[in-house]
Amino acid sequence: VSTRTLQQLTGAERIIRCMPNTPTTIGKGMTVWCATSATTQADKQWFTRILEQFSKLMEVDSDDWVDKATAVSASGPAYVFAFAEALTAAARDLGFSEEQARVLVTQTCVGATALIEQASVPVAELRQQVTSKGGTTAAALNALELSGFDTMWKKAIQAAYDKSKTLSR
């Protein structure tokens, strides 16, 4: 729901609209937010003091940016879960038990995201560091590329953004 709609529904001028993601429930989330021009610095400080206990915060300039962030971050955990599901299924297809596949995939995701968080280099460089020319990772990434991996993600994020814009009206 847009800040304008919230203003109309409530009669309030000072509105903060936020979109947290589900990892907020375990203190590891991301919350993107915007505020109306009538919102005071004190309002913003109060809001951030509360939410920073559960998540990293990103203030953006407008509802449209909240909608864009919704497509990436609020929906993002589902994308990670879908990836983990597919990787787990592939591991099972190779003969790993459900538990073995879960451990392999979970720790791989935890470790990779920790590297992203701690690295001082772009994600693309981290990927390149893992990819040996002519190696197994290169073969897998080539298969993903040939399957339209990047295009698929762009379409998925655009679909989520379009839906977010529709819902926020």
N, C-alpha and C. Protein backbone atom coordinates (compact mmCIF):
# COMPACT_ATOMS: atom_id res chain seq x y z
N VAL A 1 0.85 -1.17 0.00
CA VAL A 1 0.00 0.00 0.00
C VAL A 1 0.90 1.23 0.00
N SER A 2 0.67 2.14 -0.90
CA SER A 2 1.52 3.33 -1.04
C SER A 2 1.35 4.28 0.14
N THR A 3 2.34 5.14 0.32
CA THR A 3 2.24 6.14 1.39
C THR A 3 1.04 7.06 1.14
N ARG A 4 0.79 7.37 -0.11
CA ARG A 4 -0.36 8.22 -0.43
C ARG A 4 -1.68 7.55 -0.01
N THR A 5 -1.81 6.27 -0.34
CA THR A 5 -3.02 5.53 0.04
C THR A 5 -3.13 5.46 1.56
N LEU A 6 -2.02 5.23 2.24
CA LEU A 6 -2.03 5.19 3.70
C LEU A 6 -2.46 6.54 4.27
N GLN A 7 -1.98 7.63 3.67
CA GLN A 7 -2.41 8.95 4.11
C GLN A 7 -3.91 9.13 3.92
N GLN A 8 -4.41 8.71 2.78
CA GLN A 8 -5.85 8.85 2.50
C GLN A 8 -6.69 7.99 3.45
N LEU A 9 -6.23 6.78 3.72
CA LEU A 9 -6.99 5.88 4.59
C LEU A 9 -6.98 6.30 6.05
N THR A 10 -5.85 6.86 6.49
CA THR A 10 -5.70 7.17 7.91
C THR A 10 -5.90 8.64 8.25
N GLY A 11 -5.74 9.51 7.26
CA GLY A 11 -5.79 10.94 7.53
C GLY A 11 -4.49 11.47 8.11
N ALA A 12 -3.51 10.61 8.31
CA ALA A 12 -2.21 11.02 8.85
C ALA A 12 -1.32 11.52 7.72
N GLU A 13 -0.49 12.49 8.03
CA GLU A 13 0.47 13.01 7.05
C GLU A 13 1.83 12.34 7.21
N ARG A 14 2.18 12.00 8.45
CA ARG A 14 3.49 11.40 8.74
C ARG A 14 3.37 9.88 8.61
N ILE A 15 3.85 9.37 7.48
CA ILE A 15 3.73 7.95 7.17
C ILE A 15 5.10 7.38 6.84
N ILE A 16 5.40 6.22 7.39
CA ILE A 16 6.57 5.45 6.99
C ILE A 16 6.06 4.13 6.43
N ARG A 17 6.44 3.85 5.21
CA ARG A 17 6.08 2.58 4.57
C ARG A 17 7.33 1.72 4.53
N CYS A 18 7.20 0.49 4.98
CA CYS A 18 8.37 -0.39 4.96
C CYS A 18 8.01 -1.76 4.41
N MET A 19 9.03 -2.44 3.91
CA MET A 19 8.85 -3.80 3.42
C MET A 19 10.01 -4.65 3.96
N PRO A 20 9.76 -5.38 5.04
CA PRO A 20 10.77 -6.30 5.56
C PRO A 20 10.73 -7.61 4.79
N ASN A 21 11.77 -8.41 4.95
CA ASN A 21 11.70 -9.77 4.41
C ASN A 21 11.66 -10.77 5.56
N THR A 22 11.38 -12.02 5.26
CA THR A 22 11.15 -13.00 6.33
C THR A 22 12.36 -13.29 7.21
N PRO A 23 13.61 -13.15 6.76
CA PRO A 23 14.71 -13.37 7.69
C PRO A 23 14.73 -12.37 8.86
N THR A 24 13.90 -11.34 8.78
CA THR A 24 13.74 -10.42 9.91
C THR A 24 13.28 -11.18 11.15
N THR A 25 12.55 -12.26 10.96
CA THR A 25 12.04 -13.04 12.09
C THR A 25 13.15 -13.68 12.91
N ILE A 26 14.35 -13.80 12.33
CA ILE A 26 15.49 -14.35 13.08
C ILE A 26 16.62 -13.32 13.22
N GLY A 27 16.29 -12.04 13.02
CA GLY A 27 17.28 -10.98 13.20
C GLY A 27 18.28 -10.86 12.07
N LYS A 28 18.00 -11.42 10.91
CA LYS A 28 18.94 -11.40 9.78
C LYS A 28 18.30 -10.80 8.54
N GLY A 29 17.28 -9.97 8.73
CA GLY A 29 16.50 -9.50 7.60
C GLY A 29 17.00 -8.22 6.97
N MET A 30 16.23 -7.81 5.99
CA MET A 30 16.45 -6.56 5.26
C MET A 30 15.10 -5.86 5.19
N THR A 31 15.09 -4.59 5.57
CA THR A 31 13.87 -3.80 5.50
C THR A 31 14.15 -2.53 4.71
N VAL A 32 13.38 -2.33 3.67
CA VAL A 32 13.49 -1.12 2.87
C VAL A 32 12.30 -0.24 3.22
N TRP A 33 12.55 1.07 3.33
CA TRP A 33 11.47 1.95 3.77
C TRP A 33 11.58 3.33 3.14
N CYS A 34 10.44 4.01 3.11
CA CYS A 34 10.39 5.40 2.68
C CYS A 34 9.41 6.13 3.59
N ALA A 35 9.54 7.43 3.61
CA ALA A 35 8.68 8.24 4.47
C ALA A 35 8.14 9.43 3.69
N THR A 36 6.98 9.89 4.11
CA THR A 36 6.42 11.10 3.51
C THR A 36 7.23 12.31 3.96
N SER A 37 7.10 13.40 3.23
CA SER A 37 7.87 14.61 3.56
C SER A 37 7.47 15.18 4.91
N ALA A 38 6.28 14.88 5.39
CA ALA A 38 5.83 15.39 6.69
C ALA A 38 6.44 14.61 7.86
N THR A 39 7.03 13.47 7.58
CA THR A 39 7.63 12.64 8.63
C THR A 39 8.85 13.35 9.18
N THR A 40 8.94 13.45 10.49
CA THR A 40 10.04 14.17 11.14
C THR A 40 11.27 13.28 11.31
N GLN A 41 12.39 13.92 11.57
CA GLN A 41 13.62 13.17 11.87
C GLN A 41 13.42 12.31 13.11
N ALA A 42 12.70 12.84 14.09
CA ALA A 42 12.43 12.08 15.31
C ALA A 42 11.61 10.83 14.99
N ASP A 43 10.63 10.96 14.09
CA ASP A 43 9.85 9.79 13.67
C ASP A 43 10.76 8.74 13.04
N LYS A 44 11.63 9.20 12.14
CA LYS A 44 12.53 8.29 11.44
C LYS A 44 13.49 7.61 12.41
N GLN A 45 14.01 8.37 13.37
CA GLN A 45 14.93 7.79 14.35
C GLN A 45 14.23 6.76 15.22
N TRP A 46 13.01 7.05 15.63
CA TRP A 46 12.23 6.09 16.43
C TRP A 46 12.03 4.81 15.64
N PHE A 47 11.62 4.95 14.38
CA PHE A 47 11.39 3.80 13.50
C PHE A 47 12.67 2.97 13.34
N THR A 48 13.77 3.63 13.03
CA THR A 48 15.01 2.88 12.77
C THR A 48 15.55 2.22 14.04
N ARG A 49 15.39 2.88 15.19
CA ARG A 49 15.84 2.27 16.45
C ARG A 49 15.14 0.94 16.70
N ILE A 50 13.87 0.88 16.38
CA ILE A 50 13.11 -0.36 16.59
C ILE A 50 13.50 -1.42 15.56
N LEU A 51 13.45 -1.06 14.29
CA LEU A 51 13.65 -2.07 13.25
C LEU A 51 15.09 -2.55 13.10
N GLU A 52 16.07 -1.71 13.48
CA GLU A 52 17.45 -2.16 13.34
C GLU A 52 17.79 -3.30 14.30
N GLN A 53 16.90 -3.58 15.24
CA GLN A 53 17.08 -4.73 16.13
C GLN A 53 16.89 -6.05 15.38
N PHE A 54 16.17 -6.01 14.27
CA PHE A 54 15.79 -7.22 13.55
C PHE A 54 16.36 -7.31 12.15
N SER A 55 16.81 -6.18 11.61
CA SER A 55 17.18 -6.20 10.21
C SER A 55 18.08 -5.04 9.85
N LYS A 56 18.75 -5.18 8.73
CA LYS A 56 19.46 -4.05 8.15
C LYS A 56 18.41 -3.18 7.50
N LEU A 57 18.66 -1.88 7.48
CA LEU A 57 17.67 -0.95 6.96
C LEU A 57 18.23 -0.19 5.76
N MET A 58 17.35 0.10 4.82
CA MET A 58 17.70 0.93 3.68
C MET A 58 16.56 1.91 3.44
N GLU A 59 16.87 3.18 3.64
CA GLU A 59 15.87 4.21 3.34
C GLU A 59 15.97 4.55 1.85
N VAL A 60 14.82 4.63 1.20
CA VAL A 60 14.77 4.99 -0.21
C VAL A 60 13.87 6.21 -0.38
N ASP A 61 13.92 6.80 -1.56
CA ASP A 61 13.25 8.08 -1.79
C ASP A 61 11.75 8.02 -2.04
N SER A 62 11.25 6.85 -2.46
CA SER A 62 9.85 6.83 -2.90
C SER A 62 9.25 5.44 -2.80
N ASP A 63 7.93 5.41 -2.92
CA ASP A 63 7.20 4.14 -2.96
C ASP A 63 7.70 3.25 -4.10
N ASP A 64 8.04 3.85 -5.23
CA ASP A 64 8.50 3.05 -6.36
C ASP A 64 9.76 2.26 -6.00
N TRP A 65 10.65 2.87 -5.23
CA TRP A 65 11.86 2.15 -4.81
C TRP A 65 11.52 1.04 -3.82
N VAL A 66 10.52 1.25 -2.99
CA VAL A 66 10.07 0.18 -2.09
C VAL A 66 9.53 -0.98 -2.93
N ASP A 67 8.77 -0.65 -3.97
CA ASP A 67 8.24 -1.69 -4.86
C ASP A 67 9.38 -2.46 -5.55
N LYS A 68 10.39 -1.74 -5.99
CA LYS A 68 11.55 -2.39 -6.63
C LYS A 68 12.27 -3.29 -5.63
N ALA A 69 12.47 -2.77 -4.43
CA ALA A 69 13.15 -3.57 -3.40
C ALA A 69 12.33 -4.78 -3.00
N THR A 70 11.01 -4.65 -3.04
CA THR A 70 10.13 -5.78 -2.75
C THR A 70 10.43 -6.93 -3.71
N ALA A 71 10.62 -6.60 -4.98
CA ALA A 71 10.89 -7.63 -5.99
C ALA A 71 12.21 -8.34 -5.74
N VAL A 72 13.18 -7.62 -5.20
CA VAL A 72 14.51 -8.20 -4.96
C VAL A 72 14.62 -8.80 -3.57
N SER A 73 14.29 -8.02 -2.56
CA SER A 73 14.58 -8.40 -1.19
C SER A 73 13.43 -9.07 -0.45
N ALA A 74 12.24 -8.51 -0.53
CA ALA A 74 11.12 -9.12 0.19
C ALA A 74 10.78 -10.48 -0.39
N SER A 75 10.84 -10.59 -1.71
CA SER A 75 10.61 -11.88 -2.37
C SER A 75 11.88 -12.72 -2.42
N GLY A 76 13.01 -12.10 -2.21
CA GLY A 76 14.31 -12.76 -2.34
C GLY A 76 14.49 -14.05 -1.57
N PRO A 77 14.05 -14.14 -0.31
CA PRO A 77 14.21 -15.41 0.39
C PRO A 77 13.56 -16.58 -0.35
N ALA A 78 12.42 -16.36 -0.97
CA ALA A 78 11.77 -17.44 -1.73
C ALA A 78 12.65 -17.87 -2.90
N TYR A 79 13.36 -16.92 -3.52
CA TYR A 79 14.26 -17.28 -4.62
C TYR A 79 15.40 -18.15 -4.10
N VAL A 80 15.94 -17.77 -2.95
CA VAL A 80 17.03 -18.56 -2.35
C VAL A 80 16.52 -19.95 -1.98
N PHE A 81 15.32 -20.01 -1.41
CA PHE A 81 14.74 -21.31 -1.05
C PHE A 81 14.51 -22.16 -2.29
N ALA A 82 14.03 -21.55 -3.38
CA ALA A 82 13.81 -22.30 -4.62
C ALA A 82 15.13 -22.83 -5.17
N PHE A 83 16.18 -22.01 -5.11
CA PHE A 83 17.51 -22.46 -5.53
C PHE A 83 17.97 -23.62 -4.66
N ALA A 84 17.80 -23.49 -3.35
CA ALA A 84 18.22 -24.55 -2.43
C ALA A 84 17.43 -25.83 -2.68
N GLU A 85 16.14 -25.69 -2.97
CA GLU A 85 15.32 -26.87 -3.30
C GLU A 85 15.87 -27.58 -4.53
N ALA A 86 16.17 -26.80 -5.57
CA ALA A 86 16.67 -27.38 -6.82
C ALA A 86 18.03 -28.03 -6.61
N LEU A 87 18.90 -27.37 -5.86
CA LEU A 87 20.23 -27.92 -5.59
C LEU A 87 20.13 -29.18 -4.74
N THR A 88 19.23 -29.19 -3.78
CA THR A 88 19.01 -30.37 -2.94
C THR A 88 18.49 -31.54 -3.78
N ALA A 89 17.55 -31.26 -4.66
CA ALA A 89 17.02 -32.31 -5.54
C ALA A 89 18.12 -32.87 -6.44
N ALA A 90 18.97 -31.98 -6.96
CA ALA A 90 20.07 -32.43 -7.81
C ALA A 90 21.05 -33.29 -7.02
N ALA A 91 21.31 -32.92 -5.77
CA ALA A 91 22.21 -33.72 -4.92
C ALA A 91 21.60 -35.09 -4.64
N ARG A 92 20.30 -35.13 -4.39
CA ARG A 92 19.62 -36.42 -4.19
C ARG A 92 19.70 -37.27 -5.46
N ASP A 93 19.53 -36.63 -6.62
CA ASP A 93 19.64 -37.35 -7.90
C ASP A 93 21.02 -37.97 -8.08
N LEU A 94 22.03 -37.36 -7.47
CA LEU A 94 23.39 -37.90 -7.55
C LEU A 94 23.61 -39.02 -6.54
N GLY A 95 22.63 -39.24 -5.65
CA GLY A 95 22.74 -40.35 -4.71
C GLY A 95 22.89 -39.97 -3.25
N PHE A 96 22.96 -38.67 -2.96
CA PHE A 96 23.05 -38.25 -1.56
C PHE A 96 21.70 -38.46 -0.88
N SER A 97 21.74 -38.77 0.41
CA SER A 97 20.49 -38.87 1.17
C SER A 97 19.91 -37.48 1.34
N GLU A 98 18.65 -37.42 1.76
CA GLU A 98 18.00 -36.12 2.01
C GLU A 98 18.81 -35.31 3.01
N GLU A 99 19.23 -35.94 4.11
CA GLU A 99 19.99 -35.24 5.14
C GLU A 99 21.34 -34.77 4.61
N GLN A 100 22.04 -35.63 3.90
CA GLN A 100 23.33 -35.24 3.32
C GLN A 100 23.16 -34.07 2.36
N ALA A 101 22.15 -34.15 1.51
CA ALA A 101 21.90 -33.08 0.54
C ALA A 101 21.58 -31.77 1.25
N ARG A 102 20.77 -31.86 2.31
CA ARG A 102 20.41 -30.66 3.07
C ARG A 102 21.64 -30.00 3.69
N VAL A 103 22.50 -30.81 4.29
CA VAL A 103 23.72 -30.27 4.90
C VAL A 103 24.62 -29.64 3.84
N LEU A 104 24.84 -30.35 2.74
CA LEU A 104 25.68 -29.82 1.66
C LEU A 104 25.15 -28.48 1.15
N VAL A 105 23.87 -28.42 0.88
CA VAL A 105 23.28 -27.21 0.31
C VAL A 105 23.22 -26.09 1.34
N THR A 106 22.80 -26.40 2.55
CA THR A 106 22.70 -25.37 3.58
C THR A 106 24.05 -24.73 3.85
N GLN A 107 25.06 -25.54 4.08
CA GLN A 107 26.37 -24.98 4.40
C GLN A 107 26.97 -24.24 3.22
N THR A 108 26.71 -24.72 2.01
CA THR A 108 27.18 -24.02 0.82
C THR A 108 26.54 -22.63 0.73
N CYS A 109 25.24 -22.55 0.97
CA CYS A 109 24.55 -21.26 0.93
C CYS A 109 25.02 -20.34 2.05
N VAL A 110 25.14 -20.88 3.26
CA VAL A 110 25.59 -20.07 4.40
C VAL A 110 27.00 -19.54 4.14
N GLY A 111 27.89 -20.41 3.70
CA GLY A 111 29.27 -20.01 3.44
C GLY A 111 29.39 -19.00 2.31
N ALA A 112 28.66 -19.24 1.23
CA ALA A 112 28.73 -18.34 0.08
C ALA A 112 28.18 -16.96 0.43
N THR A 113 27.08 -16.90 1.16
CA THR A 113 26.53 -15.59 1.52
C THR A 113 27.44 -14.88 2.52
N ALA A 114 28.10 -15.62 3.39
CA ALA A 114 29.06 -15.00 4.30
C ALA A 114 30.24 -14.41 3.52
N LEU A 115 30.69 -15.12 2.50
CA LEU A 115 31.76 -14.59 1.65
C LEU A 115 31.31 -13.31 0.95
N ILE A 116 30.10 -13.30 0.43
CA ILE A 116 29.58 -12.09 -0.22
C ILE A 116 29.59 -10.93 0.76
N GLU A 117 29.12 -11.20 1.97
CA GLU A 117 29.01 -10.14 2.98
C GLU A 117 30.38 -9.60 3.39
N GLN A 118 31.36 -10.47 3.49
CA GLN A 118 32.68 -10.07 3.99
C GLN A 118 33.64 -9.61 2.90
N ALA A 119 33.37 -9.96 1.66
CA ALA A 119 34.31 -9.68 0.58
C ALA A 119 34.36 -8.19 0.25
N SER A 120 35.52 -7.76 -0.18
CA SER A 120 35.68 -6.39 -0.63
C SER A 120 35.70 -6.32 -2.15
N VAL A 121 35.33 -7.43 -2.79
CA VAL A 121 35.30 -7.49 -4.25
C VAL A 121 33.87 -7.75 -4.71
N PRO A 122 33.56 -7.43 -5.96
CA PRO A 122 32.21 -7.70 -6.47
C PRO A 122 31.89 -9.19 -6.50
N VAL A 123 30.61 -9.52 -6.46
CA VAL A 123 30.16 -10.91 -6.49
C VAL A 123 30.70 -11.62 -7.73
N ALA A 124 30.73 -10.93 -8.85
CA ALA A 124 31.23 -11.55 -10.09
C ALA A 124 32.67 -12.04 -9.91
N GLU A 125 33.45 -11.28 -9.18
CA GLU A 125 34.84 -11.69 -8.95
C GLU A 125 34.91 -12.93 -8.05
N LEU A 126 34.04 -13.00 -7.05
CA LEU A 126 33.98 -14.20 -6.22
C LEU A 126 33.64 -15.42 -7.07
N ARG A 127 32.67 -15.25 -7.96
CA ARG A 127 32.30 -16.35 -8.86
C ARG A 127 33.49 -16.76 -9.72
N GLN A 128 34.20 -15.79 -10.25
CA GLN A 128 35.36 -16.08 -11.10
C GLN A 128 36.46 -16.81 -10.32
N GLN A 129 36.61 -16.47 -9.04
CA GLN A 129 37.63 -17.12 -8.21
C GLN A 129 37.35 -18.61 -8.02
N VAL A 130 36.08 -18.99 -8.07
CA VAL A 130 35.68 -20.39 -7.89
C VAL A 130 35.71 -21.16 -9.21
N THR A 131 35.71 -20.43 -10.31
CA THR A 131 35.53 -21.05 -11.63
C THR A 131 36.87 -21.25 -12.33
N SER A 132 37.31 -22.51 -12.38
CA SER A 132 38.53 -22.85 -13.12
C SER A 132 38.17 -23.06 -14.59
N LYS A 133 38.99 -22.49 -15.47
CA LYS A 133 38.73 -22.65 -16.91
C LYS A 133 38.72 -24.14 -17.26
N GLY A 134 37.62 -24.56 -17.88
CA GLY A 134 37.49 -25.95 -18.29
C GLY A 134 37.13 -26.90 -17.16
N GLY A 135 36.84 -26.36 -15.97
CA GLY A 135 36.54 -27.21 -14.82
C GLY A 135 35.05 -27.47 -14.63
N THR A 136 34.75 -28.11 -13.51
CA THR A 136 33.37 -28.50 -13.22
C THR A 136 32.45 -27.30 -13.04
N THR A 137 32.93 -26.28 -12.34
CA THR A 137 32.11 -25.09 -12.12
C THR A 137 31.84 -24.39 -13.44
N ALA A 138 32.86 -24.30 -14.28
CA ALA A 138 32.68 -23.67 -15.60
C ALA A 138 31.64 -24.43 -16.42
N ALA A 139 31.67 -25.76 -16.35
CA ALA A 139 30.69 -26.57 -17.09
C ALA A 139 29.28 -26.30 -16.58
N ALA A 140 29.13 -26.23 -15.27
CA ALA A 140 27.80 -25.98 -14.69
C ALA A 140 27.31 -24.58 -15.04
N LEU A 141 28.18 -23.58 -14.92
CA LEU A 141 27.77 -22.21 -15.23
C LEU A 141 27.44 -22.06 -16.71
N ASN A 142 28.16 -22.76 -17.56
CA ASN A 142 27.86 -22.74 -19.00
C ASN A 142 26.47 -23.33 -19.25
N ALA A 143 26.15 -24.43 -18.57
CA ALA A 143 24.83 -25.04 -18.72
C ALA A 143 23.74 -24.07 -18.26
N LEU A 144 23.98 -23.36 -17.16
CA LEU A 144 23.02 -22.37 -16.69
C LEU A 144 22.85 -21.24 -17.71
N GLU A 145 23.96 -20.78 -18.25
CA GLU A 145 23.91 -19.70 -19.24
C GLU A 145 23.13 -20.14 -20.48
N LEU A 146 23.40 -21.34 -20.95
CA LEU A 146 22.70 -21.85 -22.13
C LEU A 146 21.21 -22.05 -21.87
N SER A 147 20.84 -22.21 -20.62
CA SER A 147 19.43 -22.37 -20.24
C SER A 147 18.73 -21.03 -20.03
N GLY A 148 19.47 -19.93 -20.22
CA GLY A 148 18.86 -18.60 -20.06
C GLY A 148 18.75 -18.14 -18.63
N PHE A 149 19.70 -18.54 -17.80
CA PHE A 149 19.67 -18.26 -16.36
C PHE A 149 19.50 -16.77 -16.06
N ASP A 150 20.34 -15.91 -16.65
CA ASP A 150 20.26 -14.47 -16.37
C ASP A 150 18.93 -13.88 -16.82
N THR A 151 18.50 -14.26 -18.01
CA THR A 151 17.23 -13.76 -18.53
C THR A 151 16.07 -14.19 -17.65
N MET A 152 16.12 -15.43 -17.20
CA MET A 152 15.07 -15.95 -16.32
C MET A 152 14.96 -15.10 -15.06
N TRP A 153 16.10 -14.76 -14.45
CA TRP A 153 16.08 -13.96 -13.23
C TRP A 153 15.55 -12.55 -13.49
N LYS A 154 15.98 -11.96 -14.59
CA LYS A 154 15.50 -10.61 -14.92
C LYS A 154 13.98 -10.62 -15.11
N LYS A 155 13.47 -11.63 -15.80
CA LYS A 155 12.02 -11.73 -16.00
C LYS A 155 11.29 -11.96 -14.67
N ALA A 156 11.86 -12.78 -13.82
CA ALA A 156 11.23 -13.06 -12.53
C ALA A 156 11.17 -11.81 -11.67
N ILE A 157 12.26 -11.07 -11.60
CA ILE A 157 12.31 -9.85 -10.79
C ILE A 157 11.36 -8.81 -11.37
N GLN A 158 11.32 -8.69 -12.68
CA GLN A 158 10.40 -7.73 -13.32
C GLN A 158 8.95 -8.10 -13.01
N ALA A 159 8.63 -9.38 -13.06
CA ALA A 159 7.26 -9.83 -12.75
C ALA A 159 6.89 -9.48 -11.31
N ALA A 160 7.83 -9.69 -10.39
CA ALA A 160 7.58 -9.35 -8.99
C ALA A 160 7.42 -7.84 -8.81
N TYR A 161 8.26 -7.06 -9.48
CA TYR A 161 8.17 -5.60 -9.41
C TYR A 161 6.83 -5.12 -9.97
N ASP A 162 6.43 -5.65 -11.12
CA ASP A 162 5.15 -5.27 -11.72
C ASP A 162 3.99 -5.58 -10.76
N LYS A 163 4.03 -6.73 -10.14
CA LYS A 163 2.98 -7.12 -9.19
C LYS A 163 3.00 -6.21 -7.96
N SER A 164 4.19 -5.87 -7.49
CA SER A 164 4.31 -4.98 -6.34
C SER A 164 3.71 -3.61 -6.64
N LYS A 165 3.97 -3.09 -7.83
CA LYS A 165 3.38 -1.80 -8.22
C LYS A 165 1.86 -1.89 -8.23
N THR A 166 1.33 -2.98 -8.76
CA THR A 166 -0.12 -3.17 -8.81
C THR A 166 -0.71 -3.23 -7.40
N LEU A 167 -0.06 -3.98 -6.53
CA LEU A 167 -0.56 -4.14 -5.16
C LEU A 167 -0.45 -2.87 -4.33
N SER A 168 0.53 -2.01 -4.64
CA SER A 168 0.73 -0.82 -3.82
C SER A 168 -0.20 0.33 -4.19
N ARG A 169 -0.97 0.15 -5.23
CA ARG A 169 -1.90 1.22 -5.64
C ARG A 169 -3.06 1.34 -4.69
